[in-house]
Amino acid sequence: MTRTKRPLDGVLLFDKPLSLSSNTALQKVRRLFNAEKAGHTGTLDPLATGLLPICFGEATKFSNALLDADKTYHALVKFGVTTTTGDAEGEVIRSCTTDLNEAQVQEALRGFTGEIRQIPPMHSALKHKGKPLYEYIRKGETVARESRSVTIYELVLEKFCGDELEITVRCSKGTYIRTLAEDIGLALRCGAHLRGLRRTAIGFFRLENARSLPELEAMTMEELEACLLPPDCLLQDLPALELDESQVTRIAQGQRLAVDAALPDGKVRLYGGGRFAGVGNLEGRRLAPDRLLSGVAKSAAASRVQ
């Protein structure tokens, strides 16, 4: 018998396993929690593993906050082999023997630290005319792509052994690690592809706090719920503003408020009675609603009726 899905709010830090797409992983987790609504924050390829925050219910309203967050990866690069996709999933199109030393590799890596330009790969979800690029390449079509500026904040050589390289990469949004691997191979004139990838951090969140699928499958429903973080954990970088009950009601009704808060202009987290209410926009000490929890809006509607 199919169980009725239930409303559930919160964020799960999930350790996505190998070979599952992000959407398949999401659906598996959603079924475990029997949740009405869920979404993930930032796609991982099937051959990539690691941190995949999954948002339930009201938390999905704020999931975009992580799209702009910096990310950290542990990557395995294979030198001497170039593939059609830039990773181990593609067909080999060129191979050669390599005779690299660590000094050469370190020198090449220094050239990829800071602001760099990347051409997005065809095997990506980046959209062109409303369709992801991978749909074009599946039909044998190639689309011209402009290079984009991304930032590599940190690029650490963890291990080098002959034709394989392990690196840790902390980077800005929009960075393609498979493209980085290919470009490092080009710089060393031997070619390369991405053999393995594990995401270890997104913004404030760390992989060591994530739960694996086998762990979740062994839990009771109460234990599963205890794994959830509150929706406002997605907004830790925003300043917080406490409102009184009257102000919460007015902001939920769409009104602008004059507030005496020594905060910079921009988005702020809103709280009423210590409880998270949503996000507002502050401009010149004038507060306007941006995105509020449904319960806040319903309470405001009820107060209007009374």
C-alpha atoms as a PDB file:
ATOM      1  CA  MET A   1       0.000   0.000   0.000  1.00  0.00           C
ATOM      2  CA  THR A   2       1.346   3.428  -0.937  1.00  0.00           C
ATOM      3  CA  ARG A   3       1.962   5.667   2.047  1.00  0.00           C
ATOM      4  CA  THR A   4       0.593   9.193   1.934  1.00  0.00           C
ATOM      5  CA  LYS A   5       3.487  11.615   1.528  1.00  0.00           C
ATOM      6  CA  ARG A   6       3.902  14.044   4.379  1.00  0.00           C
ATOM      7  CA  PRO A   7       4.987  17.651   4.684  1.00  0.00           C
ATOM      8  CA  LEU A   8       8.554  17.869   5.959  1.00  0.00           C
ATOM      9  CA  ASP A   9      10.892  20.852   6.242  1.00  0.00           C
ATOM     10  CA  GLY A  10      14.662  20.798   6.572  1.00  0.00           C
ATOM     11  CA  VAL A  11      18.008  20.066   4.941  1.00  0.00           C
ATOM     12  CA  LEU A  12      19.816  16.734   4.749  1.00  0.00           C
ATOM     13  CA  LEU A  13      23.538  16.599   4.046  1.00  0.00           C
ATOM     14  CA  PHE A  14      23.734  13.525   1.804  1.00  0.00           C
ATOM     15  CA  ASP A  15      26.815  11.630   0.643  1.00  0.00           C
ATOM     16  CA  LYS A  16      25.901  10.714  -2.927  1.00  0.00           C
ATOM     17  CA  PRO A  17      27.269   7.330  -3.989  1.00  0.00           C
ATOM     18  CA  LEU A  18      28.955   6.421  -7.253  1.00  0.00           C
ATOM     19  CA  SER A  19      26.864   5.688 -10.380  1.00  0.00           C
ATOM     20  CA  LEU A  20      23.658   7.366  -9.185  1.00  0.00           C
ATOM     21  CA  SER A  21      22.512  10.555 -10.869  1.00  0.00           C
ATOM     22  CA  SER A  22      21.717  13.414  -8.514  1.00  0.00           C
ATOM     23  CA  ASN A  23      18.021  13.119  -9.358  1.00  0.00           C
ATOM     24  CA  THR A  24      17.945   9.360  -8.723  1.00  0.00           C
ATOM     25  CA  ALA A  25      19.700   9.907  -5.398  1.00  0.00           C
ATOM     26  CA  LEU A  26      17.168  12.612  -4.534  1.00  0.00           C
ATOM     27  CA  GLN A  27      14.207  10.336  -5.261  1.00  0.00           C
ATOM     28  CA  LYS A  28      15.659   7.515  -3.168  1.00  0.00           C
ATOM     29  CA  VAL A  29      16.137   9.838  -0.213  1.00  0.00           C
ATOM     30  CA  ARG A  30      12.718  11.410  -0.682  1.00  0.00           C
ATOM     31  CA  ARG A  31      11.084   7.969  -0.531  1.00  0.00           C
ATOM     32  CA  LEU A  32      12.990   7.109   2.655  1.00  0.00           C
ATOM     33  CA  PHE A  33      11.632  10.239   4.332  1.00  0.00           C
ATOM     34  CA  ASN A  34       8.213   9.844   2.660  1.00  0.00           C
ATOM     35  CA  ALA A  35       8.368  13.578   1.955  1.00  0.00           C
ATOM     36  CA  GLU A  36       5.943  15.559  -0.182  1.00  0.00           C
ATOM     37  CA  LYS A  37       8.492  17.945  -1.652  1.00  0.00           C
ATOM     38  CA  ALA A  38      12.267  17.725  -2.076  1.00  0.00           C
ATOM     39  CA  GLY A  39      15.040  19.108  -4.249  1.00  0.00           C
ATOM     40  CA  HIS A  40      18.829  19.046  -4.379  1.00  0.00           C
ATOM     41  CA  THR A  41      21.277  21.935  -4.515  1.00  0.00           C
ATOM     42  CA  GLY A  42      23.867  21.555  -7.241  1.00  0.00           C
ATOM     43  CA  THR A  43      24.088  18.543  -9.560  1.00  0.00           C
ATOM     44  CA  LEU A  44      26.819  15.921  -9.255  1.00  0.00           C
ATOM     45  CA  ASP A  45      27.589  13.674 -12.233  1.00  0.00           C
ATOM     46  CA  PRO A  46      26.903   9.919 -11.803  1.00  0.00           C
ATOM     47  CA  LEU A  47      30.681   9.283 -11.701  1.00  0.00           C
ATOM     48  CA  ALA A  48      31.117  11.870  -8.937  1.00  0.00           C
ATOM     49  CA  THR A  49      30.448  11.216  -5.269  1.00  0.00           C
ATOM     50  CA  GLY A  50      30.178  13.320  -2.162  1.00  0.00           C
ATOM     51  CA  LEU A  51      28.235  16.154  -0.633  1.00  0.00           C
ATOM     52  CA  LEU A  52      24.750  16.729  -2.057  1.00  0.00           C
ATOM     53  CA  PRO A  53      22.511  18.822   0.222  1.00  0.00           C
ATOM     54  CA  ILE A  54      18.874  17.785  -0.162  1.00  0.00           C
ATOM     55  CA  CYS A  55      16.141  20.250   0.785  1.00  0.00           C
ATOM     56  CA  PHE A  56      12.668  19.284   1.962  1.00  0.00           C
ATOM     57  CA  GLY A  57       9.511  21.380   1.948  1.00  0.00           C
ATOM     58  CA  GLU A  58      10.043  25.009   2.930  1.00  0.00           C
ATOM     59  CA  ALA A  59      13.825  24.658   2.664  1.00  0.00           C
ATOM     60  CA  THR A  60      13.491  24.335  -1.140  1.00  0.00           C
ATOM     61  CA  LYS A  61      12.562  28.042  -1.222  1.00  0.00           C
ATOM     62  CA  PHE A  62      16.102  28.917  -0.173  1.00  0.00           C
ATOM     63  CA  SER A  63      18.096  26.225  -2.016  1.00  0.00           C
ATOM     64  CA  ASN A  64      19.387  28.755  -4.559  1.00  0.00           C
ATOM     65  CA  ALA A  65      21.572  30.188  -1.812  1.00  0.00           C
ATOM     66  CA  LEU A  66      23.992  27.297  -2.328  1.00  0.00           C
ATOM     67  CA  LEU A  67      24.220  27.685  -6.105  1.00  0.00           C
ATOM     68  CA  ASP A  68      26.510  30.690  -5.643  1.00  0.00           C
ATOM     69  CA  ALA A  69      28.557  29.088  -2.855  1.00  0.00           C
ATOM     70  CA  ASP A  70      32.205  28.086  -3.194  1.00  0.00           C
ATOM     71  CA  LYS A  71      32.805  24.360  -3.513  1.00  0.00           C
ATOM     72  CA  THR A  72      35.665  22.018  -2.658  1.00  0.00           C
ATOM     73  CA  TYR A  73      36.544  18.809  -4.494  1.00  0.00           C
ATOM     74  CA  HIS A  74      39.017  15.972  -4.229  1.00  0.00           C
ATOM     75  CA  ALA A  75      39.887  14.989  -7.794  1.00  0.00           C
ATOM     76  CA  LEU A  76      41.878  12.204  -9.431  1.00  0.00           C
ATOM     77  CA  VAL A  77      43.459  13.140 -12.765  1.00  0.00           C
ATOM     78  CA  LYS A  78      44.842  10.590 -15.239  1.00  0.00           C
ATOM     79  CA  PHE A  79      47.627  11.861 -17.495  1.00  0.00           C
ATOM     80  CA  GLY A  80      48.349  10.569 -20.997  1.00  0.00           C
ATOM     81  CA  VAL A  81      44.748   9.676 -21.889  1.00  0.00           C
ATOM     82  CA  THR A  82      42.211  12.039 -23.471  1.00  0.00           C
ATOM     83  CA  THR A  83      38.531  11.058 -23.689  1.00  0.00           C
ATOM     84  CA  THR A  84      35.480  12.338 -25.538  1.00  0.00           C
ATOM     85  CA  THR A  85      33.815  13.508 -22.337  1.00  0.00           C
ATOM     86  CA  GLY A  86      36.830  14.674 -20.344  1.00  0.00           C
ATOM     87  CA  ASP A  87      36.215  11.969 -17.750  1.00  0.00           C
ATOM     88  CA  ALA A  88      36.451   8.197 -17.388  1.00  0.00           C
ATOM     89  CA  GLU A  89      32.971   7.691 -18.856  1.00  0.00           C
ATOM     90  CA  GLY A  90      33.997   8.745 -22.362  1.00  0.00           C
ATOM     91  CA  GLU A  91      35.762   6.919 -25.175  1.00  0.00           C
ATOM     92  CA  VAL A  92      39.526   7.234 -25.427  1.00  0.00           C
ATOM     93  CA  ILE A  93      40.465   9.457 -28.367  1.00  0.00           C
ATOM     94  CA  ARG A  94      44.180   9.838 -27.718  1.00  0.00           C
ATOM     95  CA  SER A  95      46.801   8.248 -25.477  1.00  0.00           C
ATOM     96  CA  CYS A  96      50.521   8.618 -24.995  1.00  0.00           C
ATOM     97  CA  THR A  97      53.253   7.689 -22.554  1.00  0.00           C
ATOM     98  CA  THR A  98      54.152  10.262 -19.920  1.00  0.00           C
ATOM     99  CA  ASP A  99      57.438  11.167 -18.306  1.00  0.00           C
ATOM    100  CA  LEU A 100      56.451  13.838 -15.826  1.00  0.00           C
ATOM    101  CA  ASN A 101      58.046  14.784 -12.545  1.00  0.00           C
ATOM    102  CA  GLU A 102      56.463  16.465  -9.548  1.00  0.00           C
ATOM    103  CA  ALA A 103      58.225  19.785 -10.170  1.00  0.00           C
ATOM    104  CA  GLN A 104      56.639  20.002 -13.649  1.00  0.00           C
ATOM    105  CA  VAL A 105      53.218  19.207 -12.251  1.00  0.00           C
ATOM    106  CA  GLN A 106      53.541  21.778  -9.458  1.00  0.00           C
ATOM    107  CA  GLU A 107      54.554  24.428 -11.974  1.00  0.00           C
ATOM    108  CA  ALA A 108      51.542  23.622 -14.154  1.00  0.00           C
ATOM    109  CA  LEU A 109      49.172  23.786 -11.176  1.00  0.00           C
ATOM    110  CA  ARG A 110      50.405  27.256 -10.250  1.00  0.00           C
ATOM    111  CA  GLY A 111      49.134  28.448 -13.626  1.00  0.00           C
ATOM    112  CA  PHE A 112      45.586  27.436 -12.692  1.00  0.00           C
ATOM    113  CA  THR A 113      45.350  29.244  -9.359  1.00  0.00           C
ATOM    114  CA  GLY A 114      43.359  32.468  -9.164  1.00  0.00           C
ATOM    115  CA  GLU A 115      41.008  33.772 -11.852  1.00  0.00           C
ATOM    116  CA  ILE A 116      41.115  31.602 -14.975  1.00  0.00           C
ATOM    117  CA  ARG A 117      39.077  31.132 -18.154  1.00  0.00           C
ATOM    118  CA  GLN A 118      37.221  27.922 -18.945  1.00  0.00           C
ATOM    119  CA  ILE A 119      35.197  26.751 -21.931  1.00  0.00           C
ATOM    120  CA  PRO A 120      32.219  24.763 -20.564  1.00  0.00           C
ATOM    121  CA  PRO A 121      32.234  21.133 -21.748  1.00  0.00           C
ATOM    122  CA  MET A 122      29.600  19.850 -24.148  1.00  0.00           C
ATOM    123  CA  HIS A 123      28.849  17.055 -21.698  1.00  0.00           C
ATOM    124  CA  SER A 124      27.303  19.424 -19.163  1.00  0.00           C
ATOM    125  CA  ALA A 125      23.895  20.655 -18.024  1.00  0.00           C
ATOM    126  CA  LEU A 126      24.628  24.222 -19.101  1.00  0.00           C
ATOM    127  CA  LYS A 127      21.746  25.344 -21.307  1.00  0.00           C
ATOM    128  CA  HIS A 128      21.799  26.665 -24.871  1.00  0.00           C
ATOM    129  CA  LYS A 129      18.474  27.849 -26.319  1.00  0.00           C
ATOM    130  CA  GLY A 130      16.649  26.192 -23.448  1.00  0.00           C
ATOM    131  CA  LYS A 131      18.290  22.776 -23.799  1.00  0.00           C
ATOM    132  CA  PRO A 132      21.255  21.364 -21.828  1.00  0.00           C
ATOM    133  CA  LEU A 133      24.435  20.963 -23.854  1.00  0.00           C
ATOM    134  CA  TYR A 134      24.543  17.203 -23.330  1.00  0.00           C
ATOM    135  CA  GLU A 135      21.346  16.843 -25.374  1.00  0.00           C
ATOM    136  CA  TYR A 136      23.119  18.386 -28.387  1.00  0.00           C
ATOM    137  CA  ILE A 137      26.201  16.187 -28.115  1.00  0.00           C
ATOM    138  CA  ARG A 138      24.033  13.068 -27.845  1.00  0.00           C
ATOM    139  CA  LYS A 139      22.751  13.948 -31.322  1.00  0.00           C
ATOM    140  CA  GLY A 140      26.275  14.513 -32.592  1.00  0.00           C
ATOM    141  CA  GLU A 141      25.902  18.294 -32.558  1.00  0.00           C
ATOM    142  CA  THR A 142      28.464  20.697 -31.158  1.00  0.00           C
ATOM    143  CA  VAL A 143      27.551  24.172 -29.942  1.00  0.00           C
ATOM    144  CA  ALA A 144      30.006  27.068 -29.866  1.00  0.00           C
ATOM    145  CA  ARG A 145      30.669  28.064 -26.237  1.00  0.00           C
ATOM    146  CA  GLU A 146      32.319  31.195 -24.956  1.00  0.00           C
ATOM    147  CA  SER A 147      34.964  30.953 -22.274  1.00  0.00           C
ATOM    148  CA  ARG A 148      33.904  32.026 -18.803  1.00  0.00           C
ATOM    149  CA  SER A 149      35.792  33.438 -15.863  1.00  0.00           C
ATOM    150  CA  VAL A 150      35.973  31.262 -12.748  1.00  0.00           C
ATOM    151  CA  THR A 151      38.202  31.401  -9.695  1.00  0.00           C
ATOM    152  CA  ILE A 152      40.372  28.654  -8.232  1.00  0.00           C
ATOM    153  CA  TYR A 153      40.970  29.808  -4.668  1.00  0.00           C
ATOM    154  CA  GLU A 154      43.122  26.866  -3.724  1.00  0.00           C
ATOM    155  CA  LEU A 155      44.735  24.060  -5.726  1.00  0.00           C
ATOM    156  CA  VAL A 156      46.699  21.590  -3.622  1.00  0.00           C
ATOM    157  CA  LEU A 157      48.729  18.652  -4.906  1.00  0.00           C
ATOM    158  CA  GLU A 158      47.880  15.789  -2.569  1.00  0.00           C
ATOM    159  CA  LYS A 159      49.680  12.971  -4.365  1.00  0.00           C
ATOM    160  CA  PHE A 160      51.524  12.449  -7.663  1.00  0.00           C
ATOM    161  CA  CYS A 161      52.539   9.049  -8.941  1.00  0.00           C
ATOM    162  CA  GLY A 162      53.720   8.667 -12.553  1.00  0.00           C
ATOM    163  CA  ASP A 163      50.598   9.261 -14.608  1.00  0.00           C
ATOM    164  CA  GLU A 164      48.085   9.985 -11.841  1.00  0.00           C
ATOM    165  CA  LEU A 165      47.516  13.094  -9.803  1.00  0.00           C
ATOM    166  CA  GLU A 166      45.354  13.698  -6.728  1.00  0.00           C
ATOM    167  CA  ILE A 167      44.402  17.301  -6.046  1.00  0.00           C
ATOM    168  CA  THR A 168      42.131  19.283  -3.763  1.00  0.00           C
ATOM    169  CA  VAL A 169      40.345  22.157  -5.489  1.00  0.00           C
ATOM    170  CA  ARG A 170      38.468  24.979  -3.762  1.00  0.00           C
ATOM    171  CA  CYS A 171      36.696  26.984  -6.430  1.00  0.00           C
ATOM    172  CA  SER A 172      33.928  29.410  -7.321  1.00  0.00           C
ATOM    173  CA  LYS A 173      30.550  28.494  -8.766  1.00  0.00           C
ATOM    174  CA  GLY A 174      30.570  27.496 -12.416  1.00  0.00           C
ATOM    175  CA  THR A 175      33.941  25.723 -12.268  1.00  0.00           C
ATOM    176  CA  TYR A 176      34.138  22.469 -14.232  1.00  0.00           C
ATOM    177  CA  ILE A 177      36.675  20.112 -12.671  1.00  0.00           C
ATOM    178  CA  ARG A 178      36.759  17.889 -15.747  1.00  0.00           C
ATOM    179  CA  THR A 179      37.712  20.934 -17.825  1.00  0.00           C
ATOM    180  CA  LEU A 180      40.377  21.800 -15.257  1.00  0.00           C
ATOM    181  CA  ALA A 181      41.798  18.268 -15.573  1.00  0.00           C
ATOM    182  CA  GLU A 182      41.853  18.509 -19.372  1.00  0.00           C
ATOM    183  CA  ASP A 183      43.483  21.945 -19.284  1.00  0.00           C
ATOM    184  CA  ILE A 184      46.191  20.753 -16.891  1.00  0.00           C
ATOM    185  CA  GLY A 185      46.899  17.909 -19.328  1.00  0.00           C
ATOM    186  CA  LEU A 186      47.145  20.395 -22.197  1.00  0.00           C
ATOM    187  CA  ALA A 187      49.537  22.559 -20.209  1.00  0.00           C
ATOM    188  CA  LEU A 188      51.768  19.524 -19.645  1.00  0.00           C
ATOM    189  CA  ARG A 189      51.420  18.471 -23.327  1.00  0.00           C
ATOM    190  CA  CYS A 190      50.349  14.936 -22.514  1.00  0.00           C
ATOM    191  CA  GLY A 191      46.564  15.162 -22.291  1.00  0.00           C
ATOM    192  CA  ALA A 192      44.485  14.134 -19.283  1.00  0.00           C
ATOM    193  CA  HIS A 193      41.025  13.273 -18.095  1.00  0.00           C
ATOM    194  CA  LEU A 194      39.155  13.232 -14.790  1.00  0.00           C
ATOM    195  CA  ARG A 195      39.198   9.710 -13.360  1.00  0.00           C
ATOM    196  CA  GLY A 196      37.429  10.388 -10.081  1.00  0.00           C
ATOM    197  CA  LEU A 197      35.711  13.246  -8.270  1.00  0.00           C
ATOM    198  CA  ARG A 198      34.407  13.697  -4.731  1.00  0.00           C
ATOM    199  CA  ARG A 199      32.788  16.896  -3.479  1.00  0.00           C
ATOM    200  CA  THR A 200      33.880  17.566   0.085  1.00  0.00           C
ATOM    201  CA  ALA A 201      32.359  20.978   0.840  1.00  0.00           C
ATOM    202  CA  ILE A 202      29.739  23.490  -0.296  1.00  0.00           C
ATOM    203  CA  GLY A 203      29.842  26.844   1.437  1.00  0.00           C
ATOM    204  CA  PHE A 204      29.554  26.202   5.174  1.00  0.00           C
ATOM    205  CA  PHE A 205      28.703  22.505   4.782  1.00  0.00           C
ATOM    206  CA  ARG A 206      31.244  19.683   5.037  1.00  0.00           C
ATOM    207  CA  LEU A 207      31.164  16.098   3.810  1.00  0.00           C
ATOM    208  CA  GLU A 208      32.125  14.706   7.218  1.00  0.00           C
ATOM    209  CA  ASN A 209      28.678  15.732   8.457  1.00  0.00           C
ATOM    210  CA  ALA A 210      26.836  13.980   5.621  1.00  0.00           C
ATOM    211  CA  ARG A 211      24.930  10.692   5.759  1.00  0.00           C
ATOM    212  CA  SER A 212      25.325   7.833   3.295  1.00  0.00           C
ATOM    213  CA  LEU A 213      22.446   5.880   1.724  1.00  0.00           C
ATOM    214  CA  PRO A 214      23.148   2.679   3.730  1.00  0.00           C
ATOM    215  CA  GLU A 215      23.184   4.725   6.955  1.00  0.00           C
ATOM    216  CA  LEU A 216      19.833   6.304   6.134  1.00  0.00           C
ATOM    217  CA  GLU A 217      18.273   3.002   5.082  1.00  0.00           C
ATOM    218  CA  ALA A 218      19.102   1.524   8.500  1.00  0.00           C
ATOM    219  CA  MET A 219      17.371   4.334  10.439  1.00  0.00           C
ATOM    220  CA  THR A 220      13.903   4.638  11.901  1.00  0.00           C
ATOM    221  CA  MET A 221      11.754   7.576  10.834  1.00  0.00           C
ATOM    222  CA  GLU A 222      12.548   9.371  14.084  1.00  0.00           C
ATOM    223  CA  GLU A 223      16.275   8.909  13.487  1.00  0.00           C
ATOM    224  CA  LEU A 224      15.920  10.174   9.921  1.00  0.00           C
ATOM    225  CA  GLU A 225      14.155  13.321  11.091  1.00  0.00           C
ATOM    226  CA  ALA A 226      16.931  13.926  13.632  1.00  0.00           C
ATOM    227  CA  CYS A 227      19.382  14.181  10.714  1.00  0.00           C
ATOM    228  CA  LEU A 228      17.629  17.232   9.277  1.00  0.00           C
ATOM    229  CA  LEU A 229      19.016  20.741   9.660  1.00  0.00           C
ATOM    230  CA  PRO A 230      16.591  23.713   9.847  1.00  0.00           C
ATOM    231  CA  PRO A 231      15.841  25.605   6.608  1.00  0.00           C
ATOM    232  CA  ASP A 232      17.709  28.737   7.725  1.00  0.00           C
ATOM    233  CA  CYS A 233      21.000  26.783   7.799  1.00  0.00           C
ATOM    234  CA  LEU A 234      21.150  27.577   4.067  1.00  0.00           C
ATOM    235  CA  LEU A 235      21.369  31.296   4.832  1.00  0.00           C
ATOM    236  CA  GLN A 236      24.182  31.449   7.379  1.00  0.00           C
ATOM    237  CA  ASP A 237      26.000  34.169   5.471  1.00  0.00           C
ATOM    238  CA  LEU A 238      23.042  36.587   5.733  1.00  0.00           C
ATOM    239  CA  PRO A 239      22.691  38.937   8.716  1.00  0.00           C
ATOM    240  CA  ALA A 240      19.762  38.226  11.038  1.00  0.00           C
ATOM    241  CA  LEU A 241      16.988  40.652  11.979  1.00  0.00           C
ATOM    242  CA  GLU A 242      14.550  40.009  14.845  1.00  0.00           C
ATOM    243  CA  LEU A 243      11.016  41.391  14.388  1.00  0.00           C
ATOM    244  CA  ASP A 244       8.168  41.682  16.843  1.00  0.00           C
ATOM    245  CA  GLU A 245       4.840  39.940  16.258  1.00  0.00           C
ATOM    246  CA  SER A 246       3.223  42.990  14.681  1.00  0.00           C
ATOM    247  CA  GLN A 247       6.120  43.480  12.282  1.00  0.00           C
ATOM    248  CA  VAL A 248       6.056  39.814  11.228  1.00  0.00           C
ATOM    249  CA  THR A 249       2.344  40.081  10.464  1.00  0.00           C
ATOM    250  CA  ARG A 250       2.793  43.261   8.438  1.00  0.00           C
ATOM    251  CA  ILE A 251       5.766  41.934   6.435  1.00  0.00           C
ATOM    252  CA  ALA A 252       3.794  38.750   5.693  1.00  0.00           C
ATOM    253  CA  GLN A 253       0.990  40.938   4.333  1.00  0.00           C
ATOM    254  CA  GLY A 254       3.467  42.445   1.870  1.00  0.00           C
ATOM    255  CA  GLN A 255       3.962  45.734   3.682  1.00  0.00           C
ATOM    256  CA  ARG A 256       7.262  47.597   3.853  1.00  0.00           C
ATOM    257  CA  LEU A 257       8.573  48.411   7.304  1.00  0.00           C
ATOM    258  CA  ALA A 258      10.795  51.097   8.718  1.00  0.00           C
ATOM    259  CA  VAL A 259      13.315  49.288  10.932  1.00  0.00           C
ATOM    260  CA  ASP A 260      15.987  50.598  13.238  1.00  0.00           C
ATOM    261  CA  ALA A 261      18.727  48.116  12.391  1.00  0.00           C
ATOM    262  CA  ALA A 262      22.413  48.821  11.889  1.00  0.00           C
ATOM    263  CA  LEU A 263      22.700  46.317   9.052  1.00  0.00           C
ATOM    264  CA  PRO A 264      24.033  46.736   5.502  1.00  0.00           C
ATOM    265  CA  ASP A 265      21.568  46.929   2.631  1.00  0.00           C
ATOM    266  CA  GLY A 266      20.690  43.598   1.037  1.00  0.00           C
ATOM    267  CA  LYS A 267      19.010  40.349   1.979  1.00  0.00           C
ATOM    268  CA  VAL A 268      18.501  39.531   5.664  1.00  0.00           C
ATOM    269  CA  ARG A 269      17.198  36.545   7.604  1.00  0.00           C
ATOM    270  CA  LEU A 270      13.980  37.398   9.432  1.00  0.00           C
ATOM    271  CA  TYR A 271      12.958  36.004  12.808  1.00  0.00           C
ATOM    272  CA  GLY A 272       9.893  36.499  14.955  1.00  0.00           C
ATOM    273  CA  GLY A 273       9.927  35.302  18.537  1.00  0.00           C
ATOM    274  CA  GLY A 274      13.205  33.571  17.803  1.00  0.00           C
ATOM    275  CA  ARG A 275      11.644  31.523  14.984  1.00  0.00           C
ATOM    276  CA  PHE A 276      12.764  31.760  11.371  1.00  0.00           C
ATOM    277  CA  ALA A 277      10.197  33.592   9.216  1.00  0.00           C
ATOM    278  CA  GLY A 278      11.968  33.972   5.860  1.00  0.00           C
ATOM    279  CA  VAL A 279      14.104  36.451   3.960  1.00  0.00           C
ATOM    280  CA  GLY A 280      13.632  40.180   3.485  1.00  0.00           C
ATOM    281  CA  ASN A 281      15.338  42.949   1.518  1.00  0.00           C
ATOM    282  CA  LEU A 282      16.747  45.856   3.486  1.00  0.00           C
ATOM    283  CA  GLU A 283      17.353  49.172   1.733  1.00  0.00           C
ATOM    284  CA  GLY A 284      18.013  52.367   3.607  1.00  0.00           C
ATOM    285  CA  ARG A 285      16.439  50.895   6.754  1.00  0.00           C
ATOM    286  CA  ARG A 286      13.298  50.075   4.800  1.00  0.00           C
ATOM    287  CA  LEU A 287      12.450  46.371   4.941  1.00  0.00           C
ATOM    288  CA  ALA A 288      10.478  44.582   2.218  1.00  0.00           C
ATOM    289  CA  PRO A 289       9.501  40.883   2.074  1.00  0.00           C
ATOM    290  CA  ASP A 290      11.477  38.668  -0.276  1.00  0.00           C
ATOM    291  CA  ARG A 291      10.612  35.031   0.434  1.00  0.00           C
ATOM    292  CA  LEU A 292       8.695  33.929   3.518  1.00  0.00           C
ATOM    293  CA  LEU A 293       7.738  30.613   5.042  1.00  0.00           C
ATOM    294  CA  SER A 294       4.225  29.496   4.122  1.00  0.00           C
ATOM    295  CA  GLY A 295       3.173  29.333   7.763  1.00  0.00           C
ATOM    296  CA  VAL A 296       4.020  33.004   8.222  1.00  0.00           C
ATOM    297  CA  ALA A 297       1.859  34.017   5.269  1.00  0.00           C
ATOM    298  CA  LYS A 298      -1.018  31.843   6.488  1.00  0.00           C
ATOM    299  CA  SER A 299      -0.854  33.406   9.953  1.00  0.00           C
ATOM    300  CA  ALA A 300      -0.994  36.867   8.376  1.00  0.00           C
ATOM    301  CA  ALA A 301      -4.002  35.857   6.277  1.00  0.00           C
ATOM    302  CA  ALA A 302      -5.763  34.549   9.379  1.00  0.00           C
ATOM    303  CA  SER A 303      -5.112  37.809  11.224  1.00  0.00           C
ATOM    304  CA  ARG A 304      -6.698  39.758   8.350  1.00  0.00           C
ATOM    305  CA  VAL A 305      -9.859  37.631   8.577  1.00  0.00           C
ATOM    306  CA  GLN A 306     -10.109  38.247  12.315  1.00  0.00           C
END
